[in-house]
Amino acid sequence: MAKSITHEFVKGLWEEVPPFRLVLGLCPVLGVTTKMQYGIGMGLATTFVLVCSNILVSMLRKAIPAKVRIACFIIIIATFVTLVELLMQAFAYPLFLQLGIFIPLIVVNCIVLGRAEAFASKNGMFLSIADGLGIGIGFTLSLAALGALREILGAGTLTLWEGIELVNLLHVFPGFHPFKFMVQAPGAFVCLGIMLCFMNMVGKK
């Protein structure tokens, strides 16, 4: 059992990392990664919903009728998304304003619904927790990496969280001119392509 739990957790960090391996959940990946902190915030919110919905779906899997399982999964997911939305409004309101519509859209995120349907509805609670945590952390790291790349190239800064600036290339290299293109919508596709290329190269090796 321990080996299985470890496998279900680790697979989400590389083998099945959503944006780069499964190519799922690309809407928030492209929409909120203008800064690393936004990617981290979106990833943590999605991880919370993913883990909680996996737990509840797994616990109720034998009680939910097969014909209405998708509708039930969506209700469960929507409940936890509403909870995340209220918590962010109370404790991280500036981040909530930046993420905007992408928080409610977690309800229809194919990663969350896909894990509920493909995994949590067929496995026990502990395996479902490991699956949700692994996929969620992998998703968070993916958004953070893409956000860091776009922020460094497009703004010359790297911000871990509000008020915590890790790097400012404008101070280190006064002659540096940020590529504003990278923090705009087309730049998201370019950076995603770069990351996918890197992941494929590393995967082949």
N, C-alpha and C. Protein backbone atom coordinates (compact mmCIF):
# COMPACT_ATOMS: atom_id res chain seq x y z
N MET A 1 0.83 -1.21 0.00
CA MET A 1 0.00 0.00 0.00
C MET A 1 0.86 1.26 0.00
N ALA A 2 1.94 1.24 0.83
CA ALA A 2 2.83 2.41 0.92
C ALA A 2 3.46 2.70 -0.43
N LYS A 3 3.87 1.62 -1.11
CA LYS A 3 4.50 1.80 -2.42
C LYS A 3 3.51 2.40 -3.41
N SER A 4 2.26 1.95 -3.37
CA SER A 4 1.24 2.46 -4.27
C SER A 4 0.95 3.93 -3.99
N ILE A 5 0.86 4.30 -2.72
CA ILE A 5 0.62 5.70 -2.36
C ILE A 5 1.76 6.58 -2.85
N THR A 6 2.99 6.11 -2.66
CA THR A 6 4.15 6.87 -3.13
C THR A 6 4.10 7.05 -4.64
N HIS A 7 3.76 5.98 -5.34
CA HIS A 7 3.69 6.06 -6.81
C HIS A 7 2.62 7.05 -7.26
N GLU A 8 1.44 6.99 -6.63
CA GLU A 8 0.36 7.89 -7.03
C GLU A 8 0.71 9.34 -6.76
N PHE A 9 1.50 9.59 -5.72
CA PHE A 9 1.93 10.96 -5.43
C PHE A 9 2.98 11.43 -6.41
N VAL A 10 4.00 10.62 -6.63
CA VAL A 10 5.15 11.03 -7.45
C VAL A 10 4.79 11.20 -8.91
N LYS A 11 3.85 10.42 -9.41
CA LYS A 11 3.53 10.48 -10.84
C LYS A 11 3.07 11.88 -11.27
N GLY A 12 2.40 12.60 -10.36
CA GLY A 12 1.91 13.93 -10.70
C GLY A 12 2.99 14.98 -10.76
N LEU A 13 4.18 14.67 -10.23
CA LEU A 13 5.27 15.63 -10.22
C LEU A 13 6.07 15.61 -11.53
N TRP A 14 5.97 14.51 -12.29
CA TRP A 14 6.70 14.45 -13.55
C TRP A 14 5.97 13.65 -14.63
N GLU A 15 5.70 12.39 -14.32
CA GLU A 15 5.14 11.48 -15.33
C GLU A 15 3.80 11.97 -15.87
N GLU A 16 2.96 12.53 -15.01
CA GLU A 16 1.64 12.99 -15.42
C GLU A 16 1.41 14.44 -15.02
N VAL A 17 2.46 15.26 -15.02
CA VAL A 17 2.28 16.67 -14.66
C VAL A 17 1.32 17.31 -15.68
N PRO A 18 0.22 17.91 -15.21
CA PRO A 18 -0.90 18.25 -16.10
C PRO A 18 -0.58 19.11 -17.33
N PRO A 19 0.05 20.29 -17.20
CA PRO A 19 0.19 21.12 -18.40
C PRO A 19 1.18 20.58 -19.42
N PHE A 20 2.22 19.89 -18.97
CA PHE A 20 3.31 19.53 -19.86
C PHE A 20 3.30 18.07 -20.30
N ARG A 21 2.62 17.20 -19.57
CA ARG A 21 2.53 15.79 -19.95
C ARG A 21 1.13 15.43 -20.43
N LEU A 22 0.12 15.78 -19.62
CA LEU A 22 -1.26 15.49 -19.99
C LEU A 22 -1.84 16.59 -20.88
N VAL A 23 -1.19 17.75 -20.92
CA VAL A 23 -1.64 18.94 -21.66
C VAL A 23 -3.10 19.25 -21.30
N LEU A 24 -3.34 19.38 -20.00
CA LEU A 24 -4.67 19.72 -19.48
C LEU A 24 -4.58 21.00 -18.65
N GLY A 25 -5.72 21.65 -18.48
CA GLY A 25 -5.78 22.85 -17.64
C GLY A 25 -5.01 24.02 -18.20
N LEU A 26 -4.97 24.14 -19.52
CA LEU A 26 -4.14 25.19 -20.15
C LEU A 26 -4.74 26.58 -20.03
N CYS A 27 -6.04 26.69 -19.77
CA CYS A 27 -6.67 28.02 -19.67
C CYS A 27 -6.04 28.84 -18.54
N PRO A 28 -5.99 28.35 -17.28
CA PRO A 28 -5.30 29.12 -16.24
C PRO A 28 -3.80 29.18 -16.44
N VAL A 29 -3.22 28.15 -17.04
CA VAL A 29 -1.78 28.15 -17.30
C VAL A 29 -1.39 29.34 -18.16
N LEU A 30 -2.19 29.63 -19.17
CA LEU A 30 -1.90 30.74 -20.07
C LEU A 30 -2.42 32.07 -19.53
N GLY A 31 -3.48 32.02 -18.73
CA GLY A 31 -4.16 33.25 -18.33
C GLY A 31 -3.62 33.96 -17.11
N VAL A 32 -3.03 33.22 -16.15
CA VAL A 32 -2.68 33.86 -14.88
C VAL A 32 -1.18 33.90 -14.61
N THR A 33 -0.36 33.47 -15.56
CA THR A 33 1.07 33.33 -15.27
C THR A 33 1.90 34.54 -15.69
N THR A 34 1.34 35.73 -15.61
CA THR A 34 2.15 36.91 -15.91
C THR A 34 3.17 37.17 -14.79
N LYS A 35 2.88 36.64 -13.58
CA LYS A 35 3.82 36.70 -12.46
C LYS A 35 3.86 35.35 -11.76
N MET A 36 5.00 35.03 -11.17
CA MET A 36 5.13 33.75 -10.49
C MET A 36 4.15 33.64 -9.33
N GLN A 37 3.92 34.73 -8.59
CA GLN A 37 3.03 34.67 -7.43
C GLN A 37 1.60 34.34 -7.84
N TYR A 38 1.17 34.79 -9.02
CA TYR A 38 -0.18 34.47 -9.48
C TYR A 38 -0.28 32.98 -9.81
N GLY A 39 0.78 32.44 -10.41
CA GLY A 39 0.80 31.01 -10.71
C GLY A 39 0.75 30.17 -9.44
N ILE A 40 1.52 30.59 -8.42
CA ILE A 40 1.51 29.86 -7.15
C ILE A 40 0.13 29.92 -6.50
N GLY A 41 -0.47 31.11 -6.49
CA GLY A 41 -1.80 31.26 -5.89
C GLY A 41 -2.84 30.41 -6.58
N MET A 42 -2.83 30.42 -7.91
CA MET A 42 -3.79 29.62 -8.68
C MET A 42 -3.55 28.13 -8.45
N GLY A 43 -2.29 27.74 -8.41
CA GLY A 43 -1.95 26.34 -8.19
C GLY A 43 -2.39 25.84 -6.83
N LEU A 44 -2.18 26.65 -5.79
CA LEU A 44 -2.58 26.25 -4.44
C LEU A 44 -4.10 26.14 -4.31
N ALA A 45 -4.81 27.08 -4.94
CA ALA A 45 -6.28 27.02 -4.91
C ALA A 45 -6.78 25.76 -5.60
N THR A 46 -6.19 25.44 -6.75
CA THR A 46 -6.59 24.24 -7.49
C THR A 46 -6.24 22.98 -6.71
N THR A 47 -5.08 22.98 -6.04
CA THR A 47 -4.67 21.81 -5.26
C THR A 47 -5.64 21.55 -4.12
N PHE A 48 -6.05 22.61 -3.44
CA PHE A 48 -7.02 22.46 -2.35
C PHE A 48 -8.31 21.82 -2.86
N VAL A 49 -8.84 22.35 -3.96
CA VAL A 49 -10.08 21.82 -4.52
C VAL A 49 -9.88 20.37 -4.97
N LEU A 50 -8.75 20.10 -5.59
CA LEU A 50 -8.46 18.76 -6.11
C LEU A 50 -8.40 17.72 -5.00
N VAL A 51 -7.68 18.03 -3.94
CA VAL A 51 -7.54 17.08 -2.83
C VAL A 51 -8.87 16.88 -2.12
N CYS A 52 -9.56 17.96 -1.80
CA CYS A 52 -10.83 17.85 -1.07
C CYS A 52 -11.90 17.13 -1.89
N SER A 53 -11.98 17.44 -3.17
CA SER A 53 -12.98 16.76 -4.01
C SER A 53 -12.62 15.29 -4.21
N ASN A 54 -11.35 14.98 -4.33
CA ASN A 54 -10.93 13.58 -4.43
C ASN A 54 -11.34 12.79 -3.18
N ILE A 55 -11.13 13.40 -2.02
CA ILE A 55 -11.48 12.73 -0.76
C ILE A 55 -12.98 12.44 -0.71
N LEU A 56 -13.79 13.45 -1.01
CA LEU A 56 -15.24 13.28 -0.89
C LEU A 56 -15.78 12.32 -1.95
N VAL A 57 -15.28 12.43 -3.17
CA VAL A 57 -15.73 11.52 -4.23
C VAL A 57 -15.36 10.08 -3.88
N SER A 58 -14.15 9.89 -3.36
CA SER A 58 -13.72 8.55 -2.97
C SER A 58 -14.59 7.98 -1.86
N MET A 59 -14.93 8.81 -0.89
CA MET A 59 -15.76 8.35 0.24
C MET A 59 -17.18 8.00 -0.21
N LEU A 60 -17.69 8.74 -1.20
CA LEU A 60 -19.08 8.55 -1.64
C LEU A 60 -19.20 7.73 -2.92
N ARG A 61 -18.09 7.17 -3.39
CA ARG A 61 -18.10 6.52 -4.71
C ARG A 61 -19.10 5.38 -4.83
N LYS A 62 -19.36 4.67 -3.74
CA LYS A 62 -20.31 3.55 -3.79
C LYS A 62 -21.75 4.00 -3.60
N ALA A 63 -21.92 5.23 -3.13
CA ALA A 63 -23.28 5.74 -2.90
C ALA A 63 -23.81 6.58 -4.06
N ILE A 64 -22.90 7.06 -4.93
CA ILE A 64 -23.32 7.91 -6.04
C ILE A 64 -23.78 7.04 -7.21
N PRO A 65 -25.01 7.20 -7.68
CA PRO A 65 -25.48 6.41 -8.84
C PRO A 65 -24.66 6.72 -10.08
N ALA A 66 -24.36 5.71 -10.85
CA ALA A 66 -23.50 5.87 -12.03
C ALA A 66 -24.08 6.85 -13.05
N LYS A 67 -25.40 6.88 -13.19
CA LYS A 67 -26.01 7.71 -14.22
C LYS A 67 -25.90 9.21 -13.92
N VAL A 68 -25.72 9.57 -12.66
CA VAL A 68 -25.65 11.00 -12.31
C VAL A 68 -24.29 11.34 -11.68
N ARG A 69 -23.31 10.50 -11.90
CA ARG A 69 -22.02 10.70 -11.21
C ARG A 69 -21.35 12.01 -11.62
N ILE A 70 -21.40 12.37 -12.90
CA ILE A 70 -20.73 13.60 -13.36
C ILE A 70 -21.37 14.82 -12.71
N ALA A 71 -22.69 14.84 -12.66
CA ALA A 71 -23.40 15.96 -12.03
C ALA A 71 -23.04 16.05 -10.55
N CYS A 72 -22.95 14.90 -9.89
CA CYS A 72 -22.58 14.88 -8.47
C CYS A 72 -21.15 15.37 -8.27
N PHE A 73 -20.26 14.95 -9.17
CA PHE A 73 -18.85 15.39 -9.06
C PHE A 73 -18.77 16.91 -9.20
N ILE A 74 -19.52 17.46 -10.14
CA ILE A 74 -19.48 18.91 -10.37
C ILE A 74 -20.01 19.66 -9.14
N ILE A 75 -21.05 19.13 -8.51
CA ILE A 75 -21.59 19.77 -7.29
C ILE A 75 -20.55 19.75 -6.18
N ILE A 76 -19.88 18.62 -6.01
CA ILE A 76 -18.83 18.50 -4.99
C ILE A 76 -17.70 19.49 -5.27
N ILE A 77 -17.24 19.53 -6.51
CA ILE A 77 -16.15 20.43 -6.89
C ILE A 77 -16.57 21.89 -6.69
N ALA A 78 -17.79 22.23 -7.11
CA ALA A 78 -18.28 23.60 -6.99
C ALA A 78 -18.35 24.05 -5.53
N THR A 79 -18.67 23.11 -4.64
CA THR A 79 -18.73 23.43 -3.20
C THR A 79 -17.37 23.88 -2.70
N PHE A 80 -16.32 23.14 -3.06
CA PHE A 80 -14.98 23.49 -2.58
C PHE A 80 -14.43 24.72 -3.30
N VAL A 81 -14.83 24.93 -4.54
CA VAL A 81 -14.41 26.15 -5.25
C VAL A 81 -15.02 27.38 -4.57
N THR A 82 -16.28 27.28 -4.19
CA THR A 82 -16.93 28.38 -3.46
C THR A 82 -16.22 28.66 -2.15
N LEU A 83 -15.81 27.60 -1.45
CA LEU A 83 -15.07 27.76 -0.19
C LEU A 83 -13.74 28.47 -0.43
N VAL A 84 -13.02 28.06 -1.47
CA VAL A 84 -11.74 28.71 -1.81
C VAL A 84 -11.96 30.17 -2.14
N GLU A 85 -13.00 30.44 -2.91
CA GLU A 85 -13.29 31.82 -3.32
C GLU A 85 -13.56 32.71 -2.11
N LEU A 86 -14.33 32.21 -1.16
CA LEU A 86 -14.64 32.98 0.05
C LEU A 86 -13.40 33.17 0.92
N LEU A 87 -12.58 32.14 1.04
CA LEU A 87 -11.34 32.25 1.83
C LEU A 87 -10.38 33.26 1.21
N MET A 88 -10.27 33.24 -0.12
CA MET A 88 -9.37 34.20 -0.78
C MET A 88 -9.88 35.62 -0.64
N GLN A 89 -11.18 35.80 -0.71
CA GLN A 89 -11.73 37.15 -0.52
C GLN A 89 -11.45 37.66 0.89
N ALA A 90 -11.44 36.73 1.86
CA ALA A 90 -11.23 37.14 3.25
C ALA A 90 -9.76 37.35 3.59
N PHE A 91 -8.86 36.52 3.06
CA PHE A 91 -7.47 36.54 3.51
C PHE A 91 -6.45 36.90 2.43
N ALA A 92 -6.84 36.88 1.16
CA ALA A 92 -5.89 37.20 0.08
C ALA A 92 -6.62 37.97 -1.02
N TYR A 93 -7.25 39.07 -0.61
CA TYR A 93 -8.12 39.79 -1.56
C TYR A 93 -7.37 40.35 -2.77
N PRO A 94 -6.17 40.93 -2.61
CA PRO A 94 -5.45 41.42 -3.81
C PRO A 94 -5.17 40.30 -4.81
N LEU A 95 -4.80 39.12 -4.31
CA LEU A 95 -4.57 37.98 -5.20
C LEU A 95 -5.88 37.54 -5.86
N PHE A 96 -6.95 37.55 -5.09
CA PHE A 96 -8.26 37.18 -5.64
C PHE A 96 -8.64 38.10 -6.79
N LEU A 97 -8.38 39.40 -6.65
CA LEU A 97 -8.69 40.35 -7.72
C LEU A 97 -7.86 40.07 -8.97
N GLN A 98 -6.60 39.68 -8.78
CA GLN A 98 -5.73 39.41 -9.92
C GLN A 98 -6.14 38.14 -10.66
N LEU A 99 -6.54 37.12 -9.93
CA LEU A 99 -6.91 35.85 -10.56
C LEU A 99 -8.30 35.91 -11.19
N GLY A 100 -9.16 36.75 -10.63
CA GLY A 100 -10.46 37.03 -11.24
C GLY A 100 -11.30 35.81 -11.55
N ILE A 101 -11.76 35.72 -12.79
CA ILE A 101 -12.70 34.68 -13.22
C ILE A 101 -12.09 33.29 -13.18
N PHE A 102 -10.75 33.20 -13.12
CA PHE A 102 -10.12 31.87 -13.17
C PHE A 102 -10.37 31.06 -11.89
N ILE A 103 -10.69 31.71 -10.78
CA ILE A 103 -11.02 30.96 -9.56
C ILE A 103 -12.35 30.23 -9.72
N PRO A 104 -13.45 30.90 -10.10
CA PRO A 104 -14.70 30.16 -10.33
C PRO A 104 -14.58 29.10 -11.43
N LEU A 105 -13.71 29.34 -12.40
CA LEU A 105 -13.56 28.39 -13.51
C LEU A 105 -12.87 27.09 -13.11
N ILE A 106 -12.36 27.01 -11.86
CA ILE A 106 -11.82 25.73 -11.39
C ILE A 106 -12.89 24.66 -11.43
N VAL A 107 -14.16 25.07 -11.31
CA VAL A 107 -15.28 24.11 -11.35
C VAL A 107 -15.23 23.28 -12.63
N VAL A 108 -14.88 23.90 -13.75
CA VAL A 108 -14.88 23.18 -15.03
C VAL A 108 -13.46 22.84 -15.48
N ASN A 109 -12.50 22.95 -14.57
CA ASN A 109 -11.13 22.57 -14.92
C ASN A 109 -11.08 21.06 -15.17
N CYS A 110 -10.63 20.67 -16.35
CA CYS A 110 -10.67 19.25 -16.72
C CYS A 110 -9.72 18.42 -15.86
N ILE A 111 -8.74 19.04 -15.22
CA ILE A 111 -7.85 18.29 -14.33
C ILE A 111 -8.65 17.78 -13.12
N VAL A 112 -9.40 18.68 -12.48
CA VAL A 112 -10.13 18.34 -11.26
C VAL A 112 -11.22 17.31 -11.56
N LEU A 113 -12.03 17.59 -12.56
CA LEU A 113 -13.11 16.67 -12.91
C LEU A 113 -12.54 15.35 -13.43
N GLY A 114 -11.44 15.43 -14.17
CA GLY A 114 -10.82 14.22 -14.71
C GLY A 114 -10.30 13.30 -13.61
N ARG A 115 -9.69 13.86 -12.57
CA ARG A 115 -9.18 13.03 -11.47
C ARG A 115 -10.33 12.41 -10.68
N ALA A 116 -11.41 13.17 -10.53
CA ALA A 116 -12.58 12.63 -9.82
C ALA A 116 -13.16 11.44 -10.58
N GLU A 117 -13.29 11.59 -11.89
CA GLU A 117 -13.88 10.53 -12.71
C GLU A 117 -12.93 9.35 -12.92
N ALA A 118 -11.68 9.65 -13.25
CA ALA A 118 -10.74 8.58 -13.63
C ALA A 118 -10.09 7.89 -12.44
N PHE A 119 -9.97 8.59 -11.31
CA PHE A 119 -9.22 8.00 -10.20
C PHE A 119 -10.03 7.90 -8.90
N ALA A 120 -10.48 9.03 -8.37
CA ALA A 120 -11.11 9.03 -7.04
C ALA A 120 -12.36 8.16 -6.99
N SER A 121 -13.10 8.09 -8.08
CA SER A 121 -14.33 7.29 -8.09
C SER A 121 -14.06 5.79 -8.16
N LYS A 122 -12.78 5.41 -8.31
CA LYS A 122 -12.42 3.99 -8.45
C LYS A 122 -11.43 3.53 -7.38
N ASN A 123 -10.97 4.44 -6.51
CA ASN A 123 -9.94 4.09 -5.55
C ASN A 123 -10.30 4.58 -4.15
N GLY A 124 -9.54 4.07 -3.17
CA GLY A 124 -9.76 4.44 -1.78
C GLY A 124 -9.31 5.85 -1.45
N MET A 125 -9.61 6.27 -0.21
CA MET A 125 -9.37 7.65 0.18
C MET A 125 -7.89 8.01 0.19
N PHE A 126 -7.03 7.14 0.73
CA PHE A 126 -5.61 7.47 0.87
C PHE A 126 -4.93 7.56 -0.49
N LEU A 127 -5.26 6.66 -1.39
CA LEU A 127 -4.72 6.73 -2.75
C LEU A 127 -5.22 7.99 -3.45
N SER A 128 -6.47 8.35 -3.22
CA SER A 128 -7.05 9.54 -3.84
C SER A 128 -6.39 10.82 -3.31
N ILE A 129 -6.07 10.83 -2.01
CA ILE A 129 -5.36 11.98 -1.44
C ILE A 129 -3.98 12.12 -2.08
N ALA A 130 -3.27 10.99 -2.19
CA ALA A 130 -1.93 11.01 -2.80
C ALA A 130 -2.00 11.47 -4.25
N ASP A 131 -3.00 10.99 -4.98
CA ASP A 131 -3.18 11.39 -6.38
C ASP A 131 -3.46 12.89 -6.48
N GLY A 132 -4.38 13.38 -5.65
CA GLY A 132 -4.73 14.80 -5.69
C GLY A 132 -3.56 15.69 -5.31
N LEU A 133 -2.82 15.30 -4.27
CA LEU A 133 -1.66 16.09 -3.85
C LEU A 133 -0.58 16.13 -4.92
N GLY A 134 -0.29 14.96 -5.50
CA GLY A 134 0.75 14.89 -6.52
C GLY A 134 0.41 15.72 -7.75
N ILE A 135 -0.80 15.53 -8.26
CA ILE A 135 -1.23 16.29 -9.44
C ILE A 135 -1.29 17.78 -9.12
N GLY A 136 -1.81 18.12 -7.94
CA GLY A 136 -1.93 19.53 -7.55
C GLY A 136 -0.59 20.22 -7.39
N ILE A 137 0.35 19.55 -6.73
CA ILE A 137 1.68 20.14 -6.56
C ILE A 137 2.39 20.26 -7.90
N GLY A 138 2.25 19.23 -8.74
CA GLY A 138 2.83 19.31 -10.08
C GLY A 138 2.26 20.46 -10.88
N PHE A 139 0.95 20.67 -10.77
CA PHE A 139 0.29 21.78 -11.45
C PHE A 139 0.79 23.12 -10.92
N THR A 140 0.92 23.23 -9.58
CA THR A 140 1.41 24.46 -8.97
C THR A 140 2.83 24.78 -9.41
N LEU A 141 3.71 23.79 -9.40
CA LEU A 141 5.09 23.99 -9.84
C LEU A 141 5.16 24.39 -11.31
N SER A 142 4.28 23.82 -12.12
CA SER A 142 4.24 24.16 -13.55
C SER A 142 3.86 25.62 -13.75
N LEU A 143 2.81 26.06 -13.03
CA LEU A 143 2.38 27.46 -13.14
C LEU A 143 3.46 28.40 -12.61
N ALA A 144 4.10 28.01 -11.50
CA ALA A 144 5.15 28.85 -10.93
C ALA A 144 6.33 28.98 -11.88
N ALA A 145 6.72 27.87 -12.52
CA ALA A 145 7.86 27.90 -13.45
C ALA A 145 7.55 28.76 -14.67
N LEU A 146 6.35 28.59 -15.22
CA LEU A 146 5.97 29.38 -16.38
C LEU A 146 5.83 30.86 -16.02
N GLY A 147 5.26 31.13 -14.84
CA GLY A 147 5.13 32.51 -14.38
C GLY A 147 6.48 33.15 -14.14
N ALA A 148 7.42 32.38 -13.58
CA ALA A 148 8.77 32.92 -13.34
C ALA A 148 9.45 33.27 -14.65
N LEU A 149 9.34 32.40 -15.64
CA LEU A 149 9.95 32.66 -16.94
C LEU A 149 9.38 33.91 -17.59
N ARG A 150 8.05 34.01 -17.58
CA ARG A 150 7.41 35.17 -18.20
C ARG A 150 7.72 36.46 -17.45
N GLU A 151 7.74 36.40 -16.11
CA GLU A 151 7.99 37.60 -15.31
C GLU A 151 9.42 38.09 -15.49
N ILE A 152 10.37 37.15 -15.46
CA ILE A 152 11.78 37.54 -15.63
C ILE A 152 12.01 38.18 -16.99
N LEU A 153 11.50 37.55 -18.06
CA LEU A 153 11.73 38.06 -19.41
C LEU A 153 10.87 39.29 -19.71
N GLY A 154 9.65 39.31 -19.17
CA GLY A 154 8.72 40.38 -19.53
C GLY A 154 8.74 41.60 -18.64
N ALA A 155 9.20 41.43 -17.38
CA ALA A 155 9.21 42.57 -16.45
C ALA A 155 10.57 42.79 -15.80
N GLY A 156 11.45 41.79 -15.89
CA GLY A 156 12.77 41.92 -15.27
C GLY A 156 12.76 41.70 -13.77
N THR A 157 11.65 41.19 -13.24
CA THR A 157 11.55 40.95 -11.80
C THR A 157 11.11 39.51 -11.55
N LEU A 158 11.23 39.10 -10.29
CA LEU A 158 10.72 37.79 -9.87
C LEU A 158 10.16 37.95 -8.47
N THR A 159 8.83 37.84 -8.34
CA THR A 159 8.15 38.10 -7.08
C THR A 159 7.56 36.81 -6.54
N LEU A 160 8.02 36.40 -5.36
CA LEU A 160 7.50 35.18 -4.74
C LEU A 160 6.09 35.40 -4.22
N TRP A 161 5.86 36.53 -3.55
CA TRP A 161 4.55 36.88 -3.00
C TRP A 161 4.49 38.39 -2.90
N GLU A 162 3.36 38.92 -2.58
CA GLU A 162 3.19 40.37 -2.49
C GLU A 162 4.19 40.96 -1.49
N GLY A 163 5.08 41.83 -1.99
CA GLY A 163 6.07 42.46 -1.14
C GLY A 163 7.36 41.68 -0.97
N ILE A 164 7.43 40.46 -1.54
CA ILE A 164 8.65 39.64 -1.43
C ILE A 164 9.25 39.49 -2.82
N GLU A 165 10.15 40.39 -3.17
CA GLU A 165 10.78 40.39 -4.49
C GLU A 165 12.11 39.65 -4.42
N LEU A 166 12.25 38.59 -5.20
CA LEU A 166 13.47 37.78 -5.18
C LEU A 166 14.55 38.34 -6.08
N VAL A 167 14.17 38.81 -7.25
CA VAL A 167 15.14 39.28 -8.24
C VAL A 167 14.59 40.54 -8.90
N ASN A 168 15.48 41.49 -9.17
CA ASN A 168 15.12 42.66 -9.96
C ASN A 168 16.28 42.95 -10.91
N LEU A 169 16.14 42.49 -12.14
CA LEU A 169 17.21 42.66 -13.14
C LEU A 169 17.43 44.12 -13.49
N LEU A 170 16.41 44.94 -13.29
CA LEU A 170 16.53 46.37 -13.61
C LEU A 170 17.53 47.05 -12.67
N HIS A 171 17.69 46.51 -11.44
CA HIS A 171 18.68 47.05 -10.51
C HIS A 171 20.06 46.46 -10.76
N VAL A 172 20.10 45.16 -11.09
CA VAL A 172 21.38 44.49 -11.31
C VAL A 172 21.99 44.89 -12.65
N PHE A 173 21.15 44.95 -13.68
CA PHE A 173 21.60 45.32 -15.03
C PHE A 173 20.77 46.53 -15.49
N PRO A 174 21.22 47.73 -15.21
CA PRO A 174 20.44 48.93 -15.54
C PRO A 174 20.10 49.03 -17.03
N GLY A 175 20.90 48.41 -17.88
CA GLY A 175 20.64 48.48 -19.32
C GLY A 175 19.66 47.45 -19.82
N PHE A 176 19.15 46.60 -18.93
CA PHE A 176 18.24 45.53 -19.35
C PHE A 176 16.88 46.11 -19.74
N HIS A 177 16.38 45.70 -20.90
CA HIS A 177 15.07 46.14 -21.37
C HIS A 177 14.14 44.93 -21.43
N PRO A 178 13.13 44.88 -20.57
CA PRO A 178 12.23 43.71 -20.56
C PRO A 178 11.51 43.53 -21.89
N PHE A 179 11.22 42.28 -22.22
CA PHE A 179 10.43 41.94 -23.40
C PHE A 179 8.95 41.97 -23.01
N LYS A 180 8.31 43.11 -23.16
CA LYS A 180 6.92 43.26 -22.74
C LYS A 180 6.00 42.23 -23.40
N PHE A 181 6.44 41.74 -24.55
CA PHE A 181 5.68 40.73 -25.29
C PHE A 181 5.40 39.50 -24.42
N MET A 182 6.34 39.16 -23.53
CA MET A 182 6.24 37.93 -22.77
C MET A 182 5.14 37.97 -21.70
N VAL A 183 4.75 39.13 -21.23
CA VAL A 183 3.68 39.20 -20.24
C VAL A 183 2.33 39.52 -20.89
N GLN A 184 2.30 39.49 -22.21
CA GLN A 184 1.05 39.64 -22.95
C GLN A 184 0.56 38.27 -23.40
N ALA A 185 -0.65 38.22 -23.93
CA ALA A 185 -1.26 36.92 -24.28
C ALA A 185 -0.42 36.08 -25.24
N PRO A 186 0.12 36.65 -26.34
CA PRO A 186 0.92 35.82 -27.24
C PRO A 186 2.18 35.25 -26.57
N GLY A 187 2.75 36.01 -25.64
CA GLY A 187 3.94 35.55 -24.93
C GLY A 187 3.68 34.30 -24.11
N ALA A 188 2.44 34.13 -23.64
CA ALA A 188 2.09 32.93 -22.88
C ALA A 188 2.26 31.68 -23.73
N PHE A 189 1.83 31.76 -24.99
CA PHE A 189 1.96 30.61 -25.90
C PHE A 189 3.43 30.33 -26.21
N VAL A 190 4.22 31.39 -26.39
CA VAL A 190 5.64 31.22 -26.69
C VAL A 190 6.35 30.54 -25.51
N CYS A 191 6.10 31.04 -24.31
CA CYS A 191 6.74 30.45 -23.12
C CYS A 191 6.27 29.02 -22.87
N LEU A 192 4.98 28.76 -23.12
CA LEU A 192 4.47 27.39 -22.97
C LEU A 192 5.18 26.46 -23.95
N GLY A 193 5.38 26.93 -25.18
CA GLY A 193 6.09 26.13 -26.17
C GLY A 193 7.53 25.84 -25.75
N ILE A 194 8.19 26.84 -25.17
CA ILE A 194 9.56 26.66 -24.68
C ILE A 194 9.59 25.61 -23.57
N MET A 195 8.64 25.70 -22.63
CA MET A 195 8.59 24.75 -21.53
C MET A 195 8.27 23.34 -22.01
N LEU A 196 7.35 23.21 -22.97
CA LEU A 196 7.02 21.89 -23.52
C LEU A 196 8.22 21.29 -24.22
N CYS A 197 8.96 22.11 -24.96
CA CYS A 197 10.17 21.65 -25.64
C CYS A 197 11.20 21.15 -24.62
N PHE A 198 11.39 21.91 -23.56
CA PHE A 198 12.34 21.53 -22.52
C PHE A 198 11.93 20.21 -21.86
N MET A 199 10.64 20.07 -21.54
CA MET A 199 10.16 18.85 -20.90
C MET A 199 10.34 17.64 -21.80
N ASN A 200 10.08 17.82 -23.10
CA ASN A 200 10.26 16.70 -24.05
C ASN A 200 11.72 16.31 -24.19
N MET A 201 12.59 17.31 -24.21
CA MET A 201 14.03 17.01 -24.32
C MET A 201 14.52 16.25 -23.09
N VAL A 202 14.12 16.71 -21.91
CA VAL A 202 14.54 16.04 -20.67
C VAL A 202 13.92 14.65 -20.60
N GLY A 203 12.65 14.52 -21.02
CA GLY A 203 11.97 13.24 -20.98
C GLY A 203 12.63 12.21 -21.87
N LYS A 204 13.10 12.61 -23.04
CA LYS A 204 13.77 11.68 -23.96
C LYS A 204 15.10 11.22 -23.39
N LYS A 205 15.82 12.11 -22.71
CA LYS A 205 17.10 11.73 -22.12
C LYS A 205 16.90 10.79 -20.93
